[in-house]
C-alpha cells in the first residue's frame, strides 16, 4: 500500500494537531473521501490521512523514529490479540468502554503524550482498528524522508555475516538508500534467496525456479 510522498510537512506540529483534531470545529479526516475503490479504498485513504497528520507532527518535532517506534509497539500488541482486534472493530461496544481498554493498554507502555493523544483520537473517531495500516503508511513516509529502505531477506540456509553485509551493501548501491535488512530462514525455499525491497520482490529461490520449470513443461504439453 503506497502512502504518498513525504517531502512536505506542517511546520507547526503540536498546535496543528490540537487545532485539527481537538479544537472547535474539528472534523473526522475521513469526510469527503469518495471513489470507486469501495470500502478498502476508503480505509486506505483514511489511514494515509491519519498517518500524514501524525507524520507531520513528528517531522516538525524532529521525532520521526521515536514516534514511529511507539506506534509500532502499540500496533504490534494489538495485532497479536485477535480477540482484542475484534473488540476494537466491533461497533456494538460503546466508545467509552473501548477508550478505557485502550487506556489500560497504554499504561503498559512508556509512550509520549503526543502518541497517547493520537491513540485516544483514533478511538474517539472510531479508527483505532486501522492503526496497523496507519503505522505502515507512517513507516513508508519515514523511510522516504530519511532515505531508508526496508529489506526482507528469506533464505533456505543461514547466511554468514560477510554474505549479509555484501547483500546489504549491494542493495544500498542499487537503491541509493540506507538498508535495514531483516533475515528470515525459510526451509521451504529449498535453496537460494528471496529478497523483498519495498514493494519489489526478487525471487532467486530454487522453489521458484522449479515452479517456473513446471509451468514451462505444462505449456509444452
N, C-alpha and C. Protein backbone atom coordinates (compact mmCIF):
# COMPACT_ATOMS: atom_id res chain seq x y z
N UNK A 1 0.84 -1.19 0.00
CA UNK A 1 0.00 0.00 0.00
C UNK A 1 0.88 1.23 0.00
N UNK A 2 0.91 1.96 -1.11
CA UNK A 2 1.71 3.17 -1.20
C UNK A 2 1.02 4.28 -0.45
N UNK A 3 1.80 5.08 0.27
CA UNK A 3 1.21 6.11 1.12
C UNK A 3 1.58 7.51 0.70
N UNK A 4 2.13 7.67 -0.48
CA UNK A 4 2.37 9.02 -1.00
C UNK A 4 3.69 9.60 -0.56
N UNK A 5 3.97 10.79 -1.07
CA UNK A 5 5.24 11.46 -0.81
C UNK A 5 5.31 11.98 0.61
N UNK A 6 6.53 12.08 1.13
CA UNK A 6 6.70 12.61 2.49
C UNK A 6 7.60 13.85 2.46
N UNK A 7 7.62 14.57 1.34
CA UNK A 7 8.55 15.67 1.20
C UNK A 7 8.09 16.94 1.91
N UNK A 8 6.80 17.04 2.24
CA UNK A 8 6.33 18.24 2.91
C UNK A 8 5.74 17.88 4.26
N UNK A 9 5.85 18.81 5.21
CA UNK A 9 5.22 18.59 6.50
C UNK A 9 4.81 19.92 7.08
N UNK A 10 3.80 19.88 7.94
CA UNK A 10 3.29 21.10 8.54
C UNK A 10 4.30 21.63 9.54
N UNK A 11 4.63 22.92 9.48
CA UNK A 11 5.67 23.47 10.34
C UNK A 11 5.27 23.62 11.79
N UNK A 12 3.97 23.56 12.10
CA UNK A 12 3.52 23.80 13.46
C UNK A 12 2.96 22.51 14.03
N UNK A 13 3.84 21.64 14.53
CA UNK A 13 3.46 20.30 14.95
C UNK A 13 2.37 20.23 15.99
N UNK A 14 2.65 20.60 17.25
CA UNK A 14 1.71 20.42 18.33
C UNK A 14 0.43 21.21 18.16
N UNK A 15 0.54 22.50 17.81
CA UNK A 15 -0.66 23.33 17.68
C UNK A 15 -1.52 22.85 16.52
N UNK A 16 -0.87 22.37 15.45
CA UNK A 16 -1.61 21.84 14.30
C UNK A 16 -2.46 20.65 14.72
N UNK A 17 -1.86 19.77 15.51
CA UNK A 17 -2.56 18.57 15.97
C UNK A 17 -3.78 18.96 16.80
N UNK A 18 -3.59 19.88 17.75
CA UNK A 18 -4.69 20.27 18.63
C UNK A 18 -5.78 21.00 17.85
N UNK A 19 -5.37 21.87 16.93
CA UNK A 19 -6.36 22.63 16.17
C UNK A 19 -7.17 21.73 15.26
N UNK A 20 -6.49 20.80 14.59
CA UNK A 20 -7.16 19.96 13.60
C UNK A 20 -8.06 18.92 14.25
N UNK A 21 -7.61 18.38 15.41
CA UNK A 21 -8.33 17.24 15.96
C UNK A 21 -9.06 17.52 17.28
N UNK A 22 -8.60 18.51 18.04
CA UNK A 22 -9.22 18.74 19.33
C UNK A 22 -9.91 20.10 19.45
N UNK A 23 -9.61 21.02 18.54
CA UNK A 23 -10.17 22.35 18.63
C UNK A 23 -11.62 22.40 18.16
N UNK A 24 -12.25 23.55 18.36
CA UNK A 24 -13.63 23.75 17.93
C UNK A 24 -13.72 23.64 16.42
N UNK A 25 -14.72 22.91 15.96
CA UNK A 25 -14.92 22.78 14.52
C UNK A 25 -14.07 21.71 13.88
N UNK A 26 -13.37 20.90 14.67
CA UNK A 26 -12.57 19.84 14.08
C UNK A 26 -13.49 18.80 13.47
N UNK A 27 -13.00 18.10 12.44
CA UNK A 27 -13.83 17.12 11.75
C UNK A 27 -13.05 15.84 11.54
N UNK A 28 -13.78 14.78 11.30
CA UNK A 28 -13.17 13.49 11.02
C UNK A 28 -12.44 13.59 9.68
N UNK A 29 -11.17 13.17 9.64
CA UNK A 29 -10.41 13.30 8.40
C UNK A 29 -10.94 12.39 7.31
N UNK A 30 -11.87 11.50 7.63
CA UNK A 30 -12.41 10.61 6.61
C UNK A 30 -13.49 11.28 5.77
N UNK A 31 -13.96 12.45 6.17
CA UNK A 31 -15.03 13.10 5.44
C UNK A 31 -14.56 13.50 4.05
N UNK A 32 -15.47 13.39 3.09
CA UNK A 32 -15.16 13.83 1.74
C UNK A 32 -14.37 12.84 0.93
N UNK A 33 -14.19 11.61 1.41
CA UNK A 33 -13.44 10.60 0.66
C UNK A 33 -14.43 9.74 -0.12
N UNK A 34 -14.33 9.79 -1.43
CA UNK A 34 -15.23 9.02 -2.27
C UNK A 34 -14.42 8.36 -3.38
N UNK A 35 -15.10 7.59 -4.22
CA UNK A 35 -14.41 6.97 -5.35
C UNK A 35 -14.90 5.56 -5.57
N UNK A 36 -14.31 4.90 -6.59
CA UNK A 36 -14.75 3.57 -6.98
C UNK A 36 -14.07 2.47 -6.19
N UNK A 37 -13.21 2.81 -5.29
CA UNK A 37 -12.43 1.80 -4.60
C UNK A 37 -13.21 1.03 -3.55
N UNK A 38 -14.42 1.50 -3.21
CA UNK A 38 -15.21 0.80 -2.20
C UNK A 38 -14.62 1.01 -0.82
N UNK A 39 -14.99 0.12 0.10
CA UNK A 39 -14.59 0.26 1.49
C UNK A 39 -13.08 0.18 1.65
N UNK A 40 -12.41 -0.69 0.88
CA UNK A 40 -10.97 -0.82 1.01
C UNK A 40 -10.27 0.48 0.67
N UNK A 41 -10.75 1.18 -0.38
CA UNK A 41 -10.17 2.46 -0.76
C UNK A 41 -10.40 3.49 0.33
N UNK A 42 -11.60 3.46 0.92
CA UNK A 42 -11.94 4.40 1.98
C UNK A 42 -10.99 4.23 3.16
N UNK A 43 -10.82 2.98 3.60
CA UNK A 43 -9.94 2.72 4.73
C UNK A 43 -8.51 3.12 4.40
N UNK A 44 -8.06 2.84 3.19
CA UNK A 44 -6.71 3.17 2.78
C UNK A 44 -6.48 4.67 2.85
N UNK A 45 -7.43 5.45 2.33
CA UNK A 45 -7.29 6.90 2.35
C UNK A 45 -7.34 7.45 3.77
N UNK A 46 -8.18 6.87 4.59
CA UNK A 46 -8.25 7.29 5.99
C UNK A 46 -6.90 7.04 6.67
N UNK A 47 -6.34 5.87 6.43
CA UNK A 47 -5.05 5.52 7.03
C UNK A 47 -3.97 6.51 6.59
N UNK A 48 -3.97 6.85 5.31
CA UNK A 48 -2.98 7.79 4.79
C UNK A 48 -3.10 9.14 5.46
N UNK A 49 -4.33 9.60 5.64
CA UNK A 49 -4.53 10.94 6.19
C UNK A 49 -4.14 11.02 7.66
N UNK A 50 -4.51 10.00 8.42
CA UNK A 50 -4.10 10.00 9.82
C UNK A 50 -2.59 9.84 9.94
N UNK A 51 -2.02 8.98 9.10
CA UNK A 51 -0.57 8.78 9.12
C UNK A 51 0.14 10.08 8.75
N UNK A 52 -0.37 10.77 7.74
CA UNK A 52 0.22 12.03 7.32
C UNK A 52 0.16 13.07 8.43
N UNK A 53 -0.98 13.16 9.11
CA UNK A 53 -1.12 14.15 10.18
C UNK A 53 -0.11 13.89 11.29
N UNK A 54 0.02 12.63 11.69
CA UNK A 54 0.95 12.31 12.78
C UNK A 54 2.40 12.43 12.31
N UNK A 55 2.64 12.07 11.06
CA UNK A 55 3.99 12.20 10.49
C UNK A 55 4.42 13.66 10.48
N UNK A 56 3.52 14.55 10.08
CA UNK A 56 3.84 15.98 10.03
C UNK A 56 4.24 16.50 11.41
N UNK A 57 3.53 16.04 12.42
CA UNK A 57 3.85 16.45 13.78
C UNK A 57 5.24 15.95 14.17
N UNK A 58 5.49 14.67 13.90
CA UNK A 58 6.77 14.07 14.25
C UNK A 58 7.92 14.76 13.53
N UNK A 59 7.70 15.09 12.25
CA UNK A 59 8.74 15.77 11.47
C UNK A 59 9.00 17.16 12.04
N UNK A 60 7.93 17.85 12.41
CA UNK A 60 8.08 19.19 12.98
C UNK A 60 8.82 19.18 14.30
N UNK A 61 8.69 18.08 15.04
CA UNK A 61 9.36 17.97 16.34
C UNK A 61 10.68 17.19 16.24
N UNK A 62 11.04 16.79 15.02
CA UNK A 62 12.27 16.01 14.79
C UNK A 62 12.26 14.72 15.61
N UNK A 63 11.10 14.04 15.60
CA UNK A 63 10.95 12.80 16.36
C UNK A 63 10.35 11.69 15.48
N UNK A 64 10.75 11.65 14.23
CA UNK A 64 10.18 10.68 13.30
C UNK A 64 10.32 9.24 13.81
N UNK A 65 11.52 8.87 14.20
CA UNK A 65 11.77 7.48 14.57
C UNK A 65 11.20 7.14 15.95
N UNK A 66 11.30 8.06 16.89
CA UNK A 66 10.80 7.77 18.23
C UNK A 66 9.28 7.61 18.23
N UNK A 67 8.58 8.47 17.49
CA UNK A 67 7.12 8.35 17.41
C UNK A 67 6.73 7.08 16.64
N UNK A 68 7.51 6.74 15.61
CA UNK A 68 7.20 5.51 14.88
C UNK A 68 7.36 4.29 15.80
N UNK A 69 8.42 4.26 16.56
CA UNK A 69 8.66 3.12 17.46
C UNK A 69 7.51 2.96 18.45
N UNK A 70 6.96 4.07 18.91
CA UNK A 70 5.84 3.99 19.85
C UNK A 70 4.59 3.45 19.16
N UNK A 71 4.32 3.95 17.96
CA UNK A 71 3.16 3.46 17.20
C UNK A 71 3.31 1.97 16.90
N UNK A 72 4.49 1.58 16.45
CA UNK A 72 4.73 0.18 16.07
C UNK A 72 4.60 -0.74 17.28
N UNK A 73 5.07 -0.28 18.42
CA UNK A 73 4.99 -1.08 19.64
C UNK A 73 3.54 -1.33 20.03
N UNK A 74 2.74 -0.28 20.00
CA UNK A 74 1.32 -0.40 20.36
C UNK A 74 0.57 -1.22 19.32
N UNK A 75 0.85 -0.97 18.05
CA UNK A 75 0.18 -1.69 16.97
C UNK A 75 0.49 -3.18 17.02
N UNK A 76 1.74 -3.51 17.32
CA UNK A 76 2.15 -4.91 17.42
C UNK A 76 1.40 -5.62 18.54
N UNK A 77 1.20 -4.93 19.64
CA UNK A 77 0.48 -5.51 20.78
C UNK A 77 -0.95 -5.86 20.36
N UNK A 78 -1.60 -4.95 19.64
CA UNK A 78 -2.97 -5.19 19.19
C UNK A 78 -3.02 -6.32 18.17
N UNK A 79 -2.05 -6.34 17.27
CA UNK A 79 -2.04 -7.36 16.21
C UNK A 79 -1.91 -8.77 16.75
N UNK A 80 -1.29 -8.91 17.89
CA UNK A 80 -1.04 -10.23 18.46
C UNK A 80 -2.27 -10.82 19.15
N UNK A 81 -3.32 -10.03 19.30
CA UNK A 81 -4.51 -10.49 20.01
C UNK A 81 -5.74 -10.33 19.12
N UNK A 82 -6.18 -11.43 18.52
CA UNK A 82 -7.32 -11.39 17.61
C UNK A 82 -8.59 -10.93 18.32
N UNK A 83 -8.79 -11.40 19.55
CA UNK A 83 -9.98 -11.00 20.31
C UNK A 83 -10.01 -9.50 20.56
N UNK A 84 -8.83 -8.95 20.85
CA UNK A 84 -8.74 -7.51 21.08
C UNK A 84 -9.05 -6.74 19.80
N UNK A 85 -8.52 -7.21 18.67
CA UNK A 85 -8.79 -6.55 17.39
C UNK A 85 -10.28 -6.58 17.07
N UNK A 86 -10.90 -7.73 17.29
CA UNK A 86 -12.34 -7.85 17.02
C UNK A 86 -13.14 -6.92 17.92
N UNK A 87 -12.74 -6.83 19.17
CA UNK A 87 -13.43 -5.96 20.13
C UNK A 87 -13.35 -4.50 19.70
N UNK A 88 -12.16 -4.05 19.31
CA UNK A 88 -11.97 -2.65 18.93
C UNK A 88 -12.71 -2.31 17.64
N UNK A 89 -12.86 -3.30 16.75
CA UNK A 89 -13.53 -3.05 15.47
C UNK A 89 -15.05 -3.22 15.55
N UNK A 90 -15.54 -3.77 16.66
CA UNK A 90 -16.96 -4.07 16.80
C UNK A 90 -17.73 -2.82 17.21
N UNK A 91 -18.66 -2.34 16.37
CA UNK A 91 -19.41 -1.12 16.69
C UNK A 91 -20.43 -1.30 17.81
N UNK A 92 -20.67 -2.54 18.23
CA UNK A 92 -21.65 -2.80 19.28
C UNK A 92 -21.18 -2.22 20.62
N UNK A 93 -19.87 -2.28 20.87
CA UNK A 93 -19.34 -1.81 22.14
C UNK A 93 -19.23 -0.28 22.14
N UNK A 94 -19.58 0.32 23.27
CA UNK A 94 -19.54 1.77 23.39
C UNK A 94 -18.10 2.29 23.35
N UNK A 95 -17.97 3.52 22.86
CA UNK A 95 -16.64 4.11 22.74
C UNK A 95 -15.98 4.31 24.09
N UNK A 96 -16.78 4.58 25.12
CA UNK A 96 -16.20 4.78 26.44
C UNK A 96 -15.54 3.50 26.95
N UNK A 97 -16.16 2.36 26.64
CA UNK A 97 -15.58 1.07 27.04
C UNK A 97 -14.28 0.83 26.29
N UNK A 98 -14.30 1.09 24.99
CA UNK A 98 -13.10 0.90 24.18
C UNK A 98 -11.97 1.81 24.66
N UNK A 99 -12.35 3.05 24.97
CA UNK A 99 -11.33 4.01 25.41
C UNK A 99 -10.70 3.57 26.72
N UNK A 100 -11.52 3.03 27.63
CA UNK A 100 -10.98 2.54 28.90
C UNK A 100 -10.00 1.39 28.68
N UNK A 101 -10.35 0.50 27.75
CA UNK A 101 -9.47 -0.63 27.44
C UNK A 101 -8.15 -0.13 26.84
N UNK A 102 -8.25 0.80 25.89
CA UNK A 102 -7.05 1.34 25.25
C UNK A 102 -6.17 2.05 26.27
N UNK A 103 -6.79 2.79 27.18
CA UNK A 103 -6.01 3.50 28.20
C UNK A 103 -5.28 2.52 29.12
N UNK A 104 -5.91 1.39 29.42
CA UNK A 104 -5.24 0.38 30.24
C UNK A 104 -4.04 -0.22 29.50
N UNK A 105 -4.21 -0.42 28.19
CA UNK A 105 -3.10 -0.94 27.39
C UNK A 105 -1.98 0.09 27.31
N UNK A 106 -2.36 1.35 27.13
CA UNK A 106 -1.37 2.43 27.06
C UNK A 106 -0.51 2.47 28.31
N UNK A 107 -1.13 2.20 29.46
CA UNK A 107 -0.40 2.26 30.73
C UNK A 107 0.70 1.21 30.82
N UNK A 108 0.65 0.20 29.94
CA UNK A 108 1.68 -0.84 29.94
C UNK A 108 2.96 -0.38 29.24
N UNK A 109 2.86 0.71 28.49
CA UNK A 109 4.00 1.20 27.71
C UNK A 109 4.41 2.59 28.17
N UNK A 110 5.63 2.94 27.84
CA UNK A 110 6.12 4.29 28.09
C UNK A 110 6.00 5.09 26.80
N UNK A 111 4.87 5.75 26.64
CA UNK A 111 4.58 6.49 25.42
C UNK A 111 4.59 7.99 25.68
N UNK A 112 4.92 8.74 24.65
CA UNK A 112 4.89 10.20 24.75
C UNK A 112 3.45 10.68 24.83
N UNK A 113 3.28 11.88 25.34
CA UNK A 113 1.94 12.47 25.43
C UNK A 113 1.30 12.60 24.06
N UNK A 114 2.10 12.96 23.05
CA UNK A 114 1.57 13.13 21.71
C UNK A 114 1.04 11.81 21.15
N UNK A 115 1.78 10.73 21.35
CA UNK A 115 1.33 9.43 20.86
C UNK A 115 0.08 8.97 21.61
N UNK A 116 0.04 9.20 22.90
CA UNK A 116 -1.14 8.84 23.69
C UNK A 116 -2.37 9.59 23.19
N UNK A 117 -2.22 10.89 22.95
CA UNK A 117 -3.34 11.68 22.44
C UNK A 117 -3.79 11.20 21.07
N UNK A 118 -2.83 10.80 20.25
CA UNK A 118 -3.16 10.31 18.91
C UNK A 118 -3.95 9.01 18.99
N UNK A 119 -3.54 8.11 19.86
CA UNK A 119 -4.24 6.84 20.02
C UNK A 119 -5.66 7.06 20.55
N UNK A 120 -5.80 7.98 21.49
CA UNK A 120 -7.13 8.29 22.02
C UNK A 120 -8.01 8.91 20.94
N UNK A 121 -7.38 9.72 20.09
CA UNK A 121 -8.12 10.31 18.98
C UNK A 121 -8.68 9.23 18.05
N UNK A 122 -7.86 8.22 17.77
CA UNK A 122 -8.31 7.14 16.89
C UNK A 122 -9.51 6.41 17.49
N UNK A 123 -9.51 6.26 18.81
CA UNK A 123 -10.66 5.63 19.46
C UNK A 123 -11.88 6.53 19.33
N UNK A 124 -11.71 7.82 19.61
CA UNK A 124 -12.83 8.77 19.53
C UNK A 124 -13.44 8.81 18.14
N UNK A 125 -12.57 8.72 17.12
CA UNK A 125 -13.03 8.80 15.74
C UNK A 125 -13.39 7.43 15.16
N UNK A 126 -13.36 6.40 16.01
CA UNK A 126 -13.70 5.03 15.59
C UNK A 126 -12.77 4.55 14.48
N UNK A 127 -11.47 4.83 14.64
CA UNK A 127 -10.48 4.44 13.64
C UNK A 127 -9.34 3.62 14.25
N UNK A 128 -9.46 3.22 15.49
CA UNK A 128 -8.36 2.51 16.14
C UNK A 128 -8.05 1.19 15.44
N UNK A 129 -9.06 0.60 14.78
CA UNK A 129 -8.84 -0.70 14.13
C UNK A 129 -7.94 -0.59 12.90
N UNK A 130 -7.75 0.62 12.36
CA UNK A 130 -6.87 0.77 11.19
C UNK A 130 -5.47 1.22 11.60
N UNK A 131 -5.17 1.14 12.88
CA UNK A 131 -3.84 1.54 13.36
C UNK A 131 -2.71 0.80 12.64
N UNK A 132 -2.83 -0.52 12.37
CA UNK A 132 -1.75 -1.19 11.63
C UNK A 132 -1.47 -0.56 10.26
N UNK A 133 -2.53 -0.19 9.53
CA UNK A 133 -2.35 0.47 8.23
C UNK A 133 -1.72 1.85 8.41
N UNK A 134 -2.15 2.55 9.44
CA UNK A 134 -1.58 3.87 9.72
C UNK A 134 -0.09 3.75 10.01
N UNK A 135 0.26 2.74 10.81
CA UNK A 135 1.66 2.52 11.15
C UNK A 135 2.49 2.19 9.92
N UNK A 136 1.92 1.37 9.03
CA UNK A 136 2.61 1.01 7.79
C UNK A 136 2.84 2.24 6.92
N UNK A 137 1.81 3.07 6.77
CA UNK A 137 1.94 4.29 5.98
C UNK A 137 2.97 5.23 6.58
N UNK A 138 2.93 5.37 7.88
CA UNK A 138 3.89 6.23 8.57
C UNK A 138 5.31 5.74 8.31
N UNK A 139 5.51 4.42 8.38
CA UNK A 139 6.85 3.86 8.16
C UNK A 139 7.34 4.16 6.75
N UNK A 140 6.46 4.05 5.76
CA UNK A 140 6.84 4.35 4.39
C UNK A 140 7.24 5.81 4.23
N UNK A 141 6.47 6.70 4.84
CA UNK A 141 6.79 8.13 4.78
C UNK A 141 8.13 8.41 5.46
N UNK A 142 8.33 7.78 6.61
CA UNK A 142 9.56 7.99 7.37
C UNK A 142 10.77 7.49 6.60
N UNK A 143 10.66 6.29 6.02
CA UNK A 143 11.78 5.73 5.26
C UNK A 143 12.14 6.62 4.08
N UNK A 144 11.12 7.16 3.42
CA UNK A 144 11.37 8.03 2.28
C UNK A 144 12.07 9.31 2.73
N UNK A 145 11.61 9.88 3.84
CA UNK A 145 12.19 11.12 4.34
C UNK A 145 13.63 10.93 4.79
N UNK A 146 13.92 9.78 5.40
CA UNK A 146 15.25 9.50 5.93
C UNK A 146 16.13 8.75 4.94
N UNK A 147 15.59 8.54 3.73
CA UNK A 147 16.32 7.81 2.68
C UNK A 147 16.74 6.42 3.16
N UNK A 148 15.76 5.71 3.71
CA UNK A 148 15.98 4.34 4.15
C UNK A 148 15.05 3.42 3.37
N UNK A 149 15.40 2.14 3.32
CA UNK A 149 14.53 1.16 2.68
C UNK A 149 14.55 -0.12 3.51
N UNK A 150 13.37 -0.68 3.72
CA UNK A 150 13.25 -1.93 4.48
C UNK A 150 13.41 -3.11 3.54
N UNK A 151 14.27 -4.04 3.91
CA UNK A 151 14.54 -5.22 3.09
C UNK A 151 14.25 -6.47 3.91
N UNK A 152 13.47 -7.36 3.32
CA UNK A 152 13.20 -8.65 3.95
C UNK A 152 13.87 -9.74 3.12
N UNK A 153 14.81 -10.43 3.72
CA UNK A 153 15.57 -11.46 3.01
C UNK A 153 15.23 -12.83 3.59
N UNK A 154 14.74 -13.72 2.73
CA UNK A 154 14.44 -15.09 3.15
C UNK A 154 15.43 -16.04 2.50
N UNK A 155 15.93 -16.96 3.28
CA UNK A 155 16.92 -17.90 2.77
C UNK A 155 16.66 -19.29 3.33
N UNK A 156 16.97 -20.30 2.53
CA UNK A 156 16.75 -21.68 2.98
C UNK A 156 17.80 -22.09 4.00
N UNK A 157 18.98 -21.48 3.91
CA UNK A 157 20.08 -21.82 4.82
C UNK A 157 20.66 -20.55 5.44
N UNK A 158 21.26 -20.65 6.61
CA UNK A 158 21.84 -19.47 7.26
C UNK A 158 22.90 -18.82 6.38
N UNK A 159 22.92 -17.49 6.39
CA UNK A 159 23.93 -16.74 5.65
C UNK A 159 24.99 -16.22 6.62
N UNK A 160 26.22 -16.22 6.18
CA UNK A 160 27.31 -15.70 7.01
C UNK A 160 27.16 -14.19 7.15
N UNK A 161 27.80 -13.63 8.16
CA UNK A 161 27.76 -12.18 8.36
C UNK A 161 28.35 -11.46 7.15
N UNK A 162 29.39 -12.06 6.57
CA UNK A 162 30.02 -11.44 5.40
C UNK A 162 29.06 -11.38 4.22
N UNK A 163 28.31 -12.47 4.00
CA UNK A 163 27.36 -12.50 2.89
C UNK A 163 26.23 -11.51 3.11
N UNK A 164 25.74 -11.42 4.35
CA UNK A 164 24.68 -10.46 4.65
C UNK A 164 25.16 -9.03 4.41
N UNK A 165 26.40 -8.76 4.82
CA UNK A 165 26.97 -7.43 4.62
C UNK A 165 27.12 -7.12 3.14
N UNK A 166 27.51 -8.13 2.36
CA UNK A 166 27.68 -7.95 0.91
C UNK A 166 26.33 -7.64 0.25
N UNK A 167 25.30 -8.40 0.63
CA UNK A 167 23.97 -8.18 0.05
C UNK A 167 23.45 -6.79 0.43
N UNK A 168 23.64 -6.42 1.70
CA UNK A 168 23.18 -5.12 2.17
C UNK A 168 23.88 -3.99 1.42
N UNK A 169 25.19 -4.13 1.25
CA UNK A 169 25.97 -3.11 0.54
C UNK A 169 25.53 -3.01 -0.92
N UNK A 170 25.28 -4.15 -1.55
CA UNK A 170 24.85 -4.16 -2.95
C UNK A 170 23.49 -3.49 -3.11
N UNK A 171 22.58 -3.74 -2.16
CA UNK A 171 21.25 -3.14 -2.24
C UNK A 171 21.30 -1.64 -1.98
N UNK A 172 22.22 -1.21 -1.13
CA UNK A 172 22.36 0.23 -0.89
C UNK A 172 22.84 0.94 -2.15
N UNK A 173 23.74 0.29 -2.90
CA UNK A 173 24.20 0.87 -4.16
C UNK A 173 23.06 0.87 -5.19
N UNK A 174 22.24 -0.19 -5.16
CA UNK A 174 21.14 -0.31 -6.12
C UNK A 174 20.05 0.72 -5.86
N UNK A 175 19.71 0.92 -4.58
CA UNK A 175 18.59 1.80 -4.23
C UNK A 175 19.02 3.23 -3.92
N UNK A 176 20.29 3.41 -3.57
CA UNK A 176 20.74 4.73 -3.16
C UNK A 176 20.24 5.12 -1.78
N UNK A 177 19.82 4.10 -1.00
CA UNK A 177 19.27 4.36 0.33
C UNK A 177 19.93 3.46 1.36
N UNK A 178 19.82 3.86 2.62
CA UNK A 178 20.32 3.04 3.71
C UNK A 178 19.41 1.83 3.90
N UNK A 179 19.99 0.66 3.93
CA UNK A 179 19.22 -0.58 4.00
C UNK A 179 19.06 -1.05 5.44
N UNK A 180 17.82 -1.36 5.82
CA UNK A 180 17.54 -2.00 7.10
C UNK A 180 17.01 -3.39 6.77
N UNK A 181 17.84 -4.40 6.98
CA UNK A 181 17.53 -5.74 6.49
C UNK A 181 17.15 -6.70 7.61
N UNK A 182 16.07 -7.44 7.37
CA UNK A 182 15.63 -8.50 8.27
C UNK A 182 15.83 -9.83 7.55
N UNK A 183 16.55 -10.74 8.18
CA UNK A 183 16.85 -12.04 7.58
C UNK A 183 16.00 -13.12 8.24
N UNK A 184 15.29 -13.90 7.41
CA UNK A 184 14.46 -14.98 7.91
C UNK A 184 14.87 -16.30 7.25
N UNK A 185 14.85 -17.36 8.03
CA UNK A 185 15.15 -18.69 7.49
C UNK A 185 13.85 -19.36 7.08
N UNK A 186 13.80 -19.84 5.82
CA UNK A 186 12.60 -20.48 5.28
C UNK A 186 13.01 -21.74 4.52
N UNK A 187 12.99 -22.89 5.18
CA UNK A 187 13.41 -24.16 4.55
C UNK A 187 12.61 -24.52 3.31
N UNK A 188 11.38 -24.01 3.20
CA UNK A 188 10.53 -24.35 2.06
C UNK A 188 11.08 -23.81 0.74
N UNK A 189 12.02 -22.88 0.82
CA UNK A 189 12.60 -22.33 -0.41
C UNK A 189 13.51 -23.34 -1.10
N UNK A 190 13.96 -24.37 -0.36
CA UNK A 190 14.85 -25.43 -0.85
C UNK A 190 16.28 -24.94 -1.06
N UNK A 191 16.44 -23.76 -1.56
CA UNK A 191 17.76 -23.18 -1.80
C UNK A 191 17.60 -21.79 -2.38
N UNK A 192 18.71 -21.04 -2.46
CA UNK A 192 18.63 -19.69 -2.99
C UNK A 192 18.05 -18.72 -1.97
N UNK A 193 17.73 -17.51 -2.43
CA UNK A 193 17.20 -16.48 -1.54
C UNK A 193 16.05 -15.74 -2.21
N UNK A 194 15.22 -15.12 -1.38
CA UNK A 194 14.15 -14.24 -1.84
C UNK A 194 14.34 -12.91 -1.12
N UNK A 195 14.41 -11.83 -1.88
CA UNK A 195 14.65 -10.51 -1.30
C UNK A 195 13.48 -9.59 -1.62
N UNK A 196 12.87 -9.04 -0.58
CA UNK A 196 11.81 -8.06 -0.76
C UNK A 196 12.34 -6.68 -0.44
N UNK A 197 12.35 -5.81 -1.43
CA UNK A 197 12.82 -4.43 -1.26
C UNK A 197 11.62 -3.51 -1.47
N UNK A 198 11.05 -3.03 -0.38
CA UNK A 198 9.84 -2.23 -0.51
C UNK A 198 8.73 -3.08 -1.12
N UNK A 199 8.20 -2.63 -2.26
CA UNK A 199 7.13 -3.37 -2.95
C UNK A 199 7.67 -4.29 -4.03
N UNK A 200 9.00 -4.38 -4.17
CA UNK A 200 9.61 -5.20 -5.21
C UNK A 200 10.15 -6.50 -4.63
N UNK A 201 9.88 -7.61 -5.32
CA UNK A 201 10.32 -8.92 -4.86
C UNK A 201 11.30 -9.52 -5.86
N UNK A 202 12.48 -9.91 -5.37
CA UNK A 202 13.48 -10.59 -6.18
C UNK A 202 13.54 -12.04 -5.70
N UNK A 203 13.01 -12.96 -6.52
CA UNK A 203 12.90 -14.36 -6.12
C UNK A 203 13.94 -15.20 -6.84
N UNK A 204 15.01 -15.54 -6.13
CA UNK A 204 16.06 -16.38 -6.70
C UNK A 204 16.10 -17.74 -6.04
N UNK A 205 14.96 -18.18 -5.51
CA UNK A 205 14.91 -19.45 -4.80
C UNK A 205 14.80 -20.62 -5.77
N UNK A 206 15.27 -21.78 -5.33
CA UNK A 206 15.14 -22.99 -6.14
C UNK A 206 13.67 -23.35 -6.29
N UNK A 207 12.89 -23.11 -5.25
CA UNK A 207 11.45 -23.39 -5.31
C UNK A 207 10.81 -22.62 -6.45
N UNK A 208 11.16 -21.36 -6.59
CA UNK A 208 10.59 -20.55 -7.66
C UNK A 208 11.05 -21.03 -9.03
N UNK A 209 12.32 -21.43 -9.11
CA UNK A 209 12.85 -21.95 -10.38
C UNK A 209 12.13 -23.24 -10.79
N UNK A 210 11.85 -24.10 -9.80
CA UNK A 210 11.13 -25.35 -10.09
C UNK A 210 9.70 -25.05 -10.54
N UNK A 211 9.08 -24.07 -9.89
CA UNK A 211 7.72 -23.70 -10.28
C UNK A 211 7.69 -23.17 -11.71
N UNK A 212 8.69 -22.35 -12.06
CA UNK A 212 8.77 -21.83 -13.42
C UNK A 212 8.97 -22.97 -14.43
N UNK A 213 9.78 -23.95 -14.04
CA UNK A 213 10.03 -25.09 -14.92
C UNK A 213 8.76 -25.90 -15.11
N UNK A 214 8.00 -26.09 -14.03
CA UNK A 214 6.74 -26.82 -14.13
C UNK A 214 5.77 -26.10 -15.07
N UNK A 215 5.75 -24.78 -14.96
CA UNK A 215 4.86 -24.01 -15.83
C UNK A 215 5.25 -24.15 -17.29
N UNK A 216 6.57 -24.12 -17.55
CA UNK A 216 7.05 -24.27 -18.92
C UNK A 216 6.72 -25.65 -19.47
N UNK A 217 6.91 -26.68 -18.63
CA UNK A 217 6.60 -28.04 -19.06
C UNK A 217 5.11 -28.21 -19.31
N UNK A 218 4.30 -27.54 -18.48
CA UNK A 218 2.86 -27.61 -18.66
C UNK A 218 2.42 -26.98 -19.96
N UNK A 219 3.06 -25.86 -20.33
CA UNK A 219 2.72 -25.18 -21.58
C UNK A 219 3.17 -25.99 -22.79
N UNK A 220 4.24 -26.80 -22.61
CA UNK A 220 4.79 -27.56 -23.74
C UNK A 220 3.95 -28.79 -24.06
N UNK A 221 3.09 -29.19 -23.13
CA UNK A 221 2.28 -30.39 -23.37
C UNK A 221 1.21 -30.14 -24.42
